[in-house]
Full PDB file with SEQRES, HELIX, SHEET, SSBOND, CRYST1, ORIGX, SCALE, CONECT and MASTER records, all heavy atoms in Angstrom:
SEQRES   1 A   34  LEU ILE HIS LYS ASP THR GLN GLY LYS SER MET PRO SER          
SEQRES   2 A   34  ARG HIS VAL PHE SER VAL PHE VAL ILE ALA MET THR TYR          
SEQRES   3 A   34  LEU TRP VAL MET PRO TRP ALA GLY                              
HELIX    1 AA1 ARG A   14  VAL A   29  1                                  16    
CRYST1    1.000    1.000    1.000  90.00  90.00  90.00 P 1           1          
ORIGX1      1.000000  0.000000  0.000000        0.00000                         
ORIGX2      0.000000  1.000000  0.000000        0.00000                         
ORIGX3      0.000000  0.000000  1.000000        0.00000                         
SCALE1      1.000000  0.000000  0.000000        0.00000                         
SCALE2      0.000000  1.000000  0.000000        0.00000                         
SCALE3      0.000000  0.000000  1.000000        0.00000                         
ATOM      1  N   LEU A   1      -6.983 -17.376   4.003  1.00  0.00           N  
ATOM      2  CA  LEU A   1      -8.432 -16.858   4.006  1.00  0.00           C  
ATOM      3  C   LEU A   1      -8.662 -15.924   2.802  1.00  0.00           C  
ATOM      4  O   LEU A   1      -9.879 -15.923   2.402  1.00  0.00           O  
ATOM      5  CB  LEU A   1      -8.610 -16.030   5.367  1.00  0.00           C  
ATOM      6  CG  LEU A   1      -8.492 -16.863   6.647  1.00  0.00           C  
ATOM      7  CD1 LEU A   1      -8.638 -15.990   7.728  1.00  0.00           C  
ATOM      8  CD2 LEU A   1      -9.480 -17.975   6.655  1.00  0.00           C  
ATOM      9  N   ILE A   2      -7.597 -15.375   2.230  1.00  0.00           N  
ATOM     10  CA  ILE A   2      -7.924 -14.466   1.138  1.00  0.00           C  
ATOM     11  C   ILE A   2      -7.334 -15.336  -0.068  1.00  0.00           C  
ATOM     12  O   ILE A   2      -6.147 -15.686  -0.119  1.00  0.00           O  
ATOM     13  CB  ILE A   2      -7.197 -13.175   1.194  1.00  0.00           C  
ATOM     14  CG1 ILE A   2      -7.663 -12.452   2.359  1.00  0.00           C  
ATOM     15  CG2 ILE A   2      -7.157 -12.399  -0.068  1.00  0.00           C  
ATOM     16  CD1 ILE A   2      -6.905 -11.049   2.637  1.00  0.00           C  
ATOM     17  N   HIS A   3      -8.265 -15.586  -0.898  1.00  0.00           N  
ATOM     18  CA  HIS A   3      -7.821 -16.368  -2.056  1.00  0.00           C  
ATOM     19  C   HIS A   3      -6.898 -15.693  -3.103  1.00  0.00           C  
ATOM     20  O   HIS A   3      -7.216 -14.574  -3.392  1.00  0.00           O  
ATOM     21  CB  HIS A   3      -9.070 -16.859  -2.920  1.00  0.00           C  
ATOM     22  CG  HIS A   3      -8.697 -17.591  -4.194  1.00  0.00           C  
ATOM     23  ND1 HIS A   3      -8.264 -18.944  -4.132  1.00  0.00           N  
ATOM     24  CD2 HIS A   3      -8.686 -17.321  -5.539  1.00  0.00           C  
ATOM     25  CE1 HIS A   3      -7.989 -19.334  -5.362  1.00  0.00           C  
ATOM     26  NE2 HIS A   3      -8.170 -18.334  -6.201  1.00  0.00           N  
ATOM     27  N   LYS A   4      -5.754 -16.314  -3.429  1.00  0.00           N  
ATOM     28  CA  LYS A   4      -4.805 -15.661  -4.359  1.00  0.00           C  
ATOM     29  C   LYS A   4      -4.140 -16.900  -5.100  1.00  0.00           C  
ATOM     30  O   LYS A   4      -3.695 -17.779  -4.368  1.00  0.00           O  
ATOM     31  CB  LYS A   4      -3.794 -14.807  -3.430  1.00  0.00           C  
ATOM     32  CG  LYS A   4      -2.991 -13.911  -4.373  1.00  0.00           C  
ATOM     33  CD  LYS A   4      -2.536 -12.798  -3.589  1.00  0.00           C  
ATOM     34  CE  LYS A   4      -1.727 -11.845  -4.301  1.00  0.00           C  
ATOM     35  NZ  LYS A   4      -2.447 -10.873  -5.113  1.00  0.00           N  
ATOM     36  N   ASP A   5      -3.833 -16.689  -6.346  1.00  0.00           N  
ATOM     37  CA  ASP A   5      -3.166 -17.756  -7.060  1.00  0.00           C  
ATOM     38  C   ASP A   5      -1.715 -17.411  -7.320  1.00  0.00           C  
ATOM     39  O   ASP A   5      -0.956 -18.162  -7.797  1.00  0.00           O  
ATOM     40  CB  ASP A   5      -3.878 -17.919  -8.438  1.00  0.00           C  
ATOM     41  CG  ASP A   5      -5.285 -18.607  -8.272  1.00  0.00           C  
ATOM     42  OD1 ASP A   5      -5.413 -19.379  -7.339  1.00  0.00           O  
ATOM     43  OD2 ASP A   5      -6.222 -18.253  -8.991  1.00  0.00           O  
ATOM     44  N   THR A   6      -1.348 -16.151  -7.005  1.00  0.00           N  
ATOM     45  CA  THR A   6      -0.024 -15.774  -7.425  1.00  0.00           C  
ATOM     46  C   THR A   6       1.116 -16.662  -6.737  1.00  0.00           C  
ATOM     47  O   THR A   6       0.887 -16.925  -5.498  1.00  0.00           O  
ATOM     48  CB  THR A   6       0.214 -14.257  -6.875  1.00  0.00           C  
ATOM     49  OG1 THR A   6      -0.791 -13.453  -7.563  1.00  0.00           O  
ATOM     50  CG2 THR A   6       1.627 -13.745  -7.263  1.00  0.00           C  
ATOM     51  N   GLN A   7       2.221 -16.941  -7.280  1.00  0.00           N  
ATOM     52  CA  GLN A   7       3.286 -17.649  -6.865  1.00  0.00           C  
ATOM     53  C   GLN A   7       4.428 -16.729  -6.745  1.00  0.00           C  
ATOM     54  O   GLN A   7       4.844 -16.029  -7.670  1.00  0.00           O  
ATOM     55  CB  GLN A   7       3.595 -18.801  -7.759  1.00  0.00           C  
ATOM     56  CG  GLN A   7       2.462 -19.826  -7.949  1.00  0.00           C  
ATOM     57  CD  GLN A   7       2.150 -20.493  -6.787  1.00  0.00           C  
ATOM     58  OE1 GLN A   7       3.041 -21.179  -6.061  1.00  0.00           O  
ATOM     59  NE2 GLN A   7       0.846 -20.460  -6.269  1.00  0.00           N  
ATOM     60  N   GLY A   8       5.016 -16.660  -5.631  1.00  0.00           N  
ATOM     61  CA  GLY A   8       6.216 -15.786  -5.282  1.00  0.00           C  
ATOM     62  C   GLY A   8       5.712 -14.239  -5.270  1.00  0.00           C  
ATOM     63  O   GLY A   8       4.620 -13.848  -4.926  1.00  0.00           O  
ATOM     64  N   LYS A   9       6.720 -13.410  -5.385  1.00  0.00           N  
ATOM     65  CA  LYS A   9       6.522 -11.961  -5.305  1.00  0.00           C  
ATOM     66  C   LYS A   9       5.768 -11.435  -4.051  1.00  0.00           C  
ATOM     67  O   LYS A   9       4.909 -10.703  -4.112  1.00  0.00           O  
ATOM     68  CB  LYS A   9       5.779 -11.436  -6.502  1.00  0.00           C  
ATOM     69  CG  LYS A   9       6.611 -11.735  -7.885  1.00  0.00           C  
ATOM     70  CD  LYS A   9       5.855 -11.168  -8.984  1.00  0.00           C  
ATOM     71  CE  LYS A   9       5.794 -12.141 -10.136  1.00  0.00           C  
ATOM     72  NZ  LYS A   9       4.642 -12.177 -10.911  1.00  0.00           N  
ATOM     73  N   SER A  10       6.177 -12.066  -3.002  1.00  0.00           N  
ATOM     74  CA  SER A  10       5.499 -11.788  -1.649  1.00  0.00           C  
ATOM     75  C   SER A  10       5.997 -10.499  -1.025  1.00  0.00           C  
ATOM     76  O   SER A  10       5.419  -9.956  -0.257  1.00  0.00           O  
ATOM     77  CB  SER A  10       5.539 -13.065  -0.665  1.00  0.00           C  
ATOM     78  OG  SER A  10       4.917 -12.730   0.440  1.00  0.00           O  
ATOM     79  N   MET A  11       7.420 -10.422  -1.126  1.00  0.00           N  
ATOM     80  CA  MET A  11       8.152  -9.389  -0.469  1.00  0.00           C  
ATOM     81  C   MET A  11       8.781  -8.352  -1.344  1.00  0.00           C  
ATOM     82  O   MET A  11       9.460  -8.771  -2.335  1.00  0.00           O  
ATOM     83  CB  MET A  11       9.149 -10.190   0.342  1.00  0.00           C  
ATOM     84  CG  MET A  11      10.346  -9.506   0.770  1.00  0.00           C  
ATOM     85  SD  MET A  11      10.137  -8.268   2.012  1.00  0.00           S  
ATOM     86  CE  MET A  11      11.712  -8.166   2.564  1.00  0.00           C  
ATOM     87  N   PRO A  12       8.532  -7.030  -1.097  1.00  0.00           N  
ATOM     88  CA  PRO A  12       7.649  -6.494  -0.064  1.00  0.00           C  
ATOM     89  C   PRO A  12       6.116  -6.470  -0.627  1.00  0.00           C  
ATOM     90  O   PRO A  12       5.880  -6.636  -1.867  1.00  0.00           O  
ATOM     91  CB  PRO A  12       8.138  -5.168  -0.060  1.00  0.00           C  
ATOM     92  CG  PRO A  12       8.886  -4.788  -1.145  1.00  0.00           C  
ATOM     93  CD  PRO A  12       9.363  -6.136  -1.708  1.00  0.00           C  
ATOM     94  N   SER A  13       5.237  -6.313   0.282  1.00  0.00           N  
ATOM     95  CA  SER A  13       3.784  -6.243  -0.170  1.00  0.00           C  
ATOM     96  C   SER A  13       3.586  -4.867  -0.909  1.00  0.00           C  
ATOM     97  O   SER A  13       3.756  -3.822  -0.479  1.00  0.00           O  
ATOM     98  CB  SER A  13       2.829  -6.173   1.071  1.00  0.00           C  
ATOM     99  OG  SER A  13       1.596  -5.867   0.767  1.00  0.00           O  
ATOM    100  N   ARG A  14       3.098  -5.060  -2.143  1.00  0.00           N  
ATOM    101  CA  ARG A  14       2.788  -4.007  -3.030  1.00  0.00           C  
ATOM    102  C   ARG A  14       1.577  -3.303  -2.590  1.00  0.00           C  
ATOM    103  O   ARG A  14       1.412  -2.010  -2.784  1.00  0.00           O  
ATOM    104  CB  ARG A  14       2.836  -4.481  -4.523  1.00  0.00           C  
ATOM    105  CG  ARG A  14       3.211  -3.331  -5.410  1.00  0.00           C  
ATOM    106  CD  ARG A  14       3.631  -3.787  -6.809  1.00  0.00           C  
ATOM    107  NE  ARG A  14       2.663  -4.834  -7.353  1.00  0.00           N  
ATOM    108  CZ  ARG A  14       2.774  -5.413  -8.414  1.00  0.00           C  
ATOM    109  NH1 ARG A  14       3.933  -5.187  -9.243  1.00  0.00           N  
ATOM    110  NH2 ARG A  14       1.968  -6.284  -8.907  1.00  0.00           N  
ATOM    111  N   HIS A  15       0.600  -4.051  -2.083  1.00  0.00           N  
ATOM    112  CA  HIS A  15      -0.657  -3.326  -1.698  1.00  0.00           C  
ATOM    113  C   HIS A  15      -0.355  -2.419  -0.536  1.00  0.00           C  
ATOM    114  O   HIS A  15      -0.832  -1.228  -0.561  1.00  0.00           O  
ATOM    115  CB  HIS A  15      -1.711  -4.426  -1.219  1.00  0.00           C  
ATOM    116  CG  HIS A  15      -2.445  -5.049  -2.368  1.00  0.00           C  
ATOM    117  ND1 HIS A  15      -2.157  -6.051  -3.080  1.00  0.00           N  
ATOM    118  CD2 HIS A  15      -3.759  -4.797  -2.644  1.00  0.00           C  
ATOM    119  CE1 HIS A  15      -3.017  -6.425  -3.824  1.00  0.00           C  
ATOM    120  NE2 HIS A  15      -4.112  -5.664  -3.685  1.00  0.00           N  
ATOM    121  N   VAL A  16       0.442  -2.977   0.420  1.00  0.00           N  
ATOM    122  CA  VAL A  16       0.698  -2.096   1.583  1.00  0.00           C  
ATOM    123  C   VAL A  16       1.578  -0.818   1.216  1.00  0.00           C  
ATOM    124  O   VAL A  16       1.304   0.206   1.652  1.00  0.00           O  
ATOM    125  CB  VAL A  16       1.278  -2.948   2.810  1.00  0.00           C  
ATOM    126  CG1 VAL A  16       1.776  -2.071   4.026  1.00  0.00           C  
ATOM    127  CG2 VAL A  16       0.258  -3.994   3.262  1.00  0.00           C  
ATOM    128  N   PHE A  17       2.657  -1.190   0.460  1.00  0.00           N  
ATOM    129  CA  PHE A  17       3.549  -0.072  -0.074  1.00  0.00           C  
ATOM    130  C   PHE A  17       2.655   0.979  -0.675  1.00  0.00           C  
ATOM    131  O   PHE A  17       2.760   2.201  -0.417  1.00  0.00           O  
ATOM    132  CB  PHE A  17       4.454  -0.644  -1.085  1.00  0.00           C  
ATOM    133  CG  PHE A  17       5.069   0.361  -1.974  1.00  0.00           C  
ATOM    134  CD1 PHE A  17       5.993   1.238  -1.467  1.00  0.00           C  
ATOM    135  CD2 PHE A  17       4.484   0.681  -3.243  1.00  0.00           C  
ATOM    136  CE1 PHE A  17       6.501   2.263  -2.309  1.00  0.00           C  
ATOM    137  CE2 PHE A  17       4.955   1.730  -4.081  1.00  0.00           C  
ATOM    138  CZ  PHE A  17       6.003   2.513  -3.636  1.00  0.00           C  
ATOM    139  N   SER A  18       1.704   0.551  -1.622  1.00  0.00           N  
ATOM    140  CA  SER A  18       0.985   1.554  -2.348  1.00  0.00           C  
ATOM    141  C   SER A  18       0.121   2.496  -1.369  1.00  0.00           C  
ATOM    142  O   SER A  18       0.124   3.682  -1.520  1.00  0.00           O  
ATOM    143  CB  SER A  18      -0.016   0.800  -3.257  1.00  0.00           C  
ATOM    144  OG  SER A  18       0.701   0.199  -4.299  1.00  0.00           O  
ATOM    145  N   VAL A  19      -0.517   1.867  -0.421  1.00  0.00           N  
ATOM    146  CA  VAL A  19      -1.383   2.644   0.513  1.00  0.00           C  
ATOM    147  C   VAL A  19      -0.417   3.646   1.216  1.00  0.00           C  
ATOM    148  O   VAL A  19      -0.832   4.847   1.423  1.00  0.00           O  
ATOM    149  CB  VAL A  19      -2.168   1.793   1.604  1.00  0.00           C  
ATOM    150  CG1 VAL A  19      -2.814   2.616   2.531  1.00  0.00           C  
ATOM    151  CG2 VAL A  19      -3.009   0.899   0.731  1.00  0.00           C  
ATOM    152  N   PHE A  20       0.633   3.212   1.749  1.00  0.00           N  
ATOM    153  CA  PHE A  20       1.568   4.009   2.480  1.00  0.00           C  
ATOM    154  C   PHE A  20       2.228   5.146   1.666  1.00  0.00           C  
ATOM    155  O   PHE A  20       2.262   6.319   2.101  1.00  0.00           O  
ATOM    156  CB  PHE A  20       2.655   3.245   3.130  1.00  0.00           C  
ATOM    157  CG  PHE A  20       2.211   2.671   4.512  1.00  0.00           C  
ATOM    158  CD1 PHE A  20       1.404   1.571   4.618  1.00  0.00           C  
ATOM    159  CD2 PHE A  20       2.506   3.390   5.683  1.00  0.00           C  
ATOM    160  CE1 PHE A  20       0.930   1.042   5.893  1.00  0.00           C  
ATOM    161  CE2 PHE A  20       1.931   2.946   6.901  1.00  0.00           C  
ATOM    162  CZ  PHE A  20       1.253   1.825   6.990  1.00  0.00           C  
ATOM    163  N   VAL A  21       2.595   4.938   0.336  1.00  0.00           N  
ATOM    164  CA  VAL A  21       3.143   5.949  -0.407  1.00  0.00           C  
ATOM    165  C   VAL A  21       2.047   6.958  -0.786  1.00  0.00           C  
ATOM    166  O   VAL A  21       2.213   8.188  -0.839  1.00  0.00           O  
ATOM    167  CB  VAL A  21       3.931   5.425  -1.677  1.00  0.00           C  
ATOM    168  CG1 VAL A  21       2.995   5.033  -2.751  1.00  0.00           C  
ATOM    169  CG2 VAL A  21       4.901   6.464  -2.138  1.00  0.00           C  
ATOM    170  N   ILE A  22       0.859   6.487  -0.998  1.00  0.00           N  
ATOM    171  CA  ILE A  22      -0.341   7.444  -1.321  1.00  0.00           C  
ATOM    172  C   ILE A  22      -0.615   8.227  -0.121  1.00  0.00           C  
ATOM    173  O   ILE A  22      -0.840   9.368  -0.063  1.00  0.00           O  
ATOM    174  CB  ILE A  22      -1.591   6.620  -1.690  1.00  0.00           C  
ATOM    175  CG1 ILE A  22      -1.356   5.947  -3.120  1.00  0.00           C  
ATOM    176  CG2 ILE A  22      -2.852   7.449  -1.844  1.00  0.00           C  
ATOM    177  CD1 ILE A  22      -2.272   4.930  -3.546  1.00  0.00           C  
ATOM    178  N   ALA A  23      -0.475   7.568   1.113  1.00  0.00           N  
ATOM    179  CA  ALA A  23      -0.785   8.296   2.392  1.00  0.00           C  
ATOM    180  C   ALA A  23       0.255   9.421   2.615  1.00  0.00           C  
ATOM    181  O   ALA A  23      -0.098  10.458   2.969  1.00  0.00           O  
ATOM    182  CB  ALA A  23      -0.727   7.289   3.601  1.00  0.00           C  
ATOM    183  N   MET A  24       1.525   9.104   2.190  1.00  0.00           N  
ATOM    184  CA  MET A  24       2.550  10.143   2.321  1.00  0.00           C  
ATOM    185  C   MET A  24       2.260  11.324   1.307  1.00  0.00           C  
ATOM    186  O   MET A  24       2.550  12.453   1.717  1.00  0.00           O  
ATOM    187  CB  MET A  24       3.851   9.524   2.013  1.00  0.00           C  
ATOM    188  CG  MET A  24       4.358   8.492   3.050  1.00  0.00           C  
ATOM    189  SD  MET A  24       4.489   9.047   4.738  1.00  0.00           S  
ATOM    190  CE  MET A  24       5.912  10.175   4.651  1.00  0.00           C  
ATOM    191  N   THR A  25       1.754  10.971   0.247  1.00  0.00           N  
ATOM    192  CA  THR A  25       1.318  12.065  -0.727  1.00  0.00           C  
ATOM    193  C   THR A  25       0.272  12.958  -0.124  1.00  0.00           C  
ATOM    194  O   THR A  25       0.288  14.203  -0.315  1.00  0.00           O  
ATOM    195  CB  THR A  25       0.875  11.442  -2.050  1.00  0.00           C  
ATOM    196  OG1 THR A  25       1.952  10.523  -2.598  1.00  0.00           O  
ATOM    197  CG2 THR A  25       0.654  12.517  -3.077  1.00  0.00           C  
ATOM    198  N   TYR A  26      -0.689  12.326   0.427  1.00  0.00           N  
ATOM    199  CA  TYR A  26      -1.806  13.019   1.054  1.00  0.00           C  
ATOM    200  C   TYR A  26      -1.318  13.809   2.324  1.00  0.00           C  
ATOM    201  O   TYR A  26      -1.759  14.902   2.527  1.00  0.00           O  
ATOM    202  CB  TYR A  26      -2.965  12.195   1.554  1.00  0.00           C  
ATOM    203  CG  TYR A  26      -4.085  12.066   0.510  1.00  0.00           C  
ATOM    204  CD1 TYR A  26      -3.975  11.011  -0.495  1.00  0.00           C  
ATOM    205  CD2 TYR A  26      -5.140  12.998   0.586  1.00  0.00           C  
ATOM    206  CE1 TYR A  26      -5.110  11.063  -1.387  1.00  0.00           C  
ATOM    207  CE2 TYR A  26      -6.207  12.825  -0.380  1.00  0.00           C  
ATOM    208  CZ  TYR A  26      -6.108  11.849  -1.344  1.00  0.00           C  
ATOM    209  OH  TYR A  26      -7.193  11.824  -2.343  1.00  0.00           O  
ATOM    210  N   LEU A  27      -0.317  13.246   3.045  1.00  0.00           N  
ATOM    211  CA  LEU A  27       0.189  13.925   4.186  1.00  0.00           C  
ATOM    212  C   LEU A  27       0.737  15.397   3.747  1.00  0.00           C  
ATOM    213  O   LEU A  27       0.574  16.269   4.494  1.00  0.00           O  
ATOM    214  CB  LEU A  27       1.333  13.151   4.996  1.00  0.00           C  
ATOM    215  CG  LEU A  27       0.924  12.246   5.954  1.00  0.00           C  
ATOM    216  CD1 LEU A  27       2.055  11.307   6.455  1.00  0.00           C  
ATOM    217  CD2 LEU A  27       0.266  12.809   7.099  1.00  0.00           C  
ATOM    218  N   TRP A  28       1.362  15.328   2.653  1.00  0.00           N  
ATOM    219  CA  TRP A  28       1.932  16.594   2.104  1.00  0.00           C  
ATOM    220  C   TRP A  28       0.894  17.608   1.738  1.00  0.00           C  
ATOM    221  O   TRP A  28       0.992  18.897   1.961  1.00  0.00           O  
ATOM    222  CB  TRP A  28       2.790  16.293   0.953  1.00  0.00           C  
ATOM    223  CG  TRP A  28       3.523  17.491   0.423  1.00  0.00           C  
ATOM    224  CD1 TRP A  28       3.151  18.298  -0.625  1.00  0.00           C  
ATOM    225  CD2 TRP A  28       4.685  18.126   0.950  1.00  0.00           C  
ATOM    226  NE1 TRP A  28       3.933  19.316  -0.848  1.00  0.00           N  
ATOM    227  CE2 TRP A  28       4.967  19.238   0.230  1.00  0.00           C  
ATOM    228  CE3 TRP A  28       5.518  17.945   1.977  1.00  0.00           C  
ATOM    229  CZ2 TRP A  28       5.971  20.146   0.378  1.00  0.00           C  
ATOM    230  CZ3 TRP A  28       6.627  18.719   2.301  1.00  0.00           C  
ATOM    231  CH2 TRP A  28       6.738  19.847   1.467  1.00  0.00           C  
ATOM    232  N   VAL A  29      -0.217  17.221   1.180  1.00  0.00           N  
ATOM    233  CA  VAL A  29      -1.341  18.034   0.614  1.00  0.00           C  
ATOM    234  C   VAL A  29      -2.405  18.291   1.570  1.00  0.00           C  
ATOM    235  O   VAL A  29      -2.940  19.418   1.739  1.00  0.00           O  
ATOM    236  CB  VAL A  29      -1.720  17.437  -0.782  1.00  0.00           C  
ATOM    237  CG1 VAL A  29      -2.951  18.315  -1.321  1.00  0.00           C  
ATOM    238  CG2 VAL A  29      -0.770  17.244  -1.733  1.00  0.00           C  
ATOM    239  N   MET A  30      -2.800  17.136   2.266  1.00  0.00           N  
ATOM    240  CA  MET A  30      -4.018  17.227   3.136  1.00  0.00           C  
ATOM    241  C   MET A  30      -3.726  16.307   4.294  1.00  0.00           C  
ATOM    242  O   MET A  30      -3.958  15.280   4.257  1.00  0.00           O  
ATOM    243  CB  MET A  30      -5.250  16.717   2.383  1.00  0.00           C  
ATOM    244  CG  MET A  30      -6.576  17.117   2.932  1.00  0.00           C  
ATOM    245  SD  MET A  30      -7.947  16.370   1.992  1.00  0.00           S  
ATOM    246  CE  MET A  30      -7.427  16.845   0.285  1.00  0.00           C  
ATOM    247  N   PRO A  31      -2.971  16.882   5.217  1.00  0.00           N  
ATOM    248  CA  PRO A  31      -2.455  16.110   6.394  1.00  0.00           C  
ATOM    249  C   PRO A  31      -3.448  15.159   7.138  1.00  0.00           C  
ATOM    250  O   PRO A  31      -3.179  13.976   7.338  1.00  0.00           O  
ATOM    251  CB  PRO A  31      -1.751  17.037   7.340  1.00  0.00           C  
ATOM    252  CG  PRO A  31      -1.512  18.259   6.521  1.00  0.00           C  
ATOM    253  CD  PRO A  31      -2.568  18.227   5.435  1.00  0.00           C  
ATOM    254  N   TRP A  32      -4.659  15.650   7.380  1.00  0.00           N  
ATOM    255  CA  TRP A  32      -5.562  14.752   8.167  1.00  0.00           C  
ATOM    256  C   TRP A  32      -5.938  13.563   7.301  1.00  0.00           C  
ATOM    257  O   TRP A  32      -6.139  12.517   7.853  1.00  0.00           O  
ATOM    258  CB  TRP A  32      -6.786  15.573   8.540  1.00  0.00           C  
ATOM    259  CG  TRP A  32      -7.695  15.969   7.274  1.00  0.00           C  
ATOM    260  CD1 TRP A  32      -7.520  17.086   6.541  1.00  0.00           C  
ATOM    261  CD2 TRP A  32      -8.653  15.164   6.606  1.00  0.00           C  
ATOM    262  NE1 TRP A  32      -8.460  17.251   5.626  1.00  0.00           N  
ATOM    263  CE2 TRP A  32      -9.165  16.011   5.587  1.00  0.00           C  
ATOM    264  CE3 TRP A  32      -9.261  14.115   6.836  1.00  0.00           C  
ATOM    265  CZ2 TRP A  32     -10.181  15.593   4.660  1.00  0.00           C  
ATOM    266  CZ3 TRP A  32     -10.233  13.485   6.046  1.00  0.00           C  
ATOM    267  CH2 TRP A  32     -10.689  14.257   4.950  1.00  0.00           C  
ATOM    268  N   ALA A  33      -6.049  13.727   5.957  1.00  0.00           N  
ATOM    269  CA  ALA A  33      -6.441  12.588   5.096  1.00  0.00           C  
ATOM    270  C   ALA A  33      -5.180  11.572   5.065  1.00  0.00           C  
ATOM    271  O   ALA A  33      -5.410  10.408   4.945  1.00  0.00           O  
ATOM    272  CB  ALA A  33      -6.753  13.052   3.732  1.00  0.00           C  
ATOM    273  N   GLY A  34      -4.113  12.154   5.177  1.00  0.00           N  
ATOM    274  CA  GLY A  34      -2.865  11.340   5.126  1.00  0.00           C  
ATOM    275  C   GLY A  34      -2.802  10.368   6.381  1.00  0.00           C  
ATOM    276  O   GLY A  34      -2.444   9.181   6.310  1.00  0.00           O  
TER     277      GLY A  34                                                      
MASTER        0    0    0    1    0    0    0    6  276    1    0    3          
END                                                                             
């Protein structure tokens, strides 16, 4: 359903990783935003 031409590099998801590591950064500084 989401168009993507990339071949391979599926694991791990970098989009999801990025959101979670950014969330962890916010948890430290501004917990509610994290």
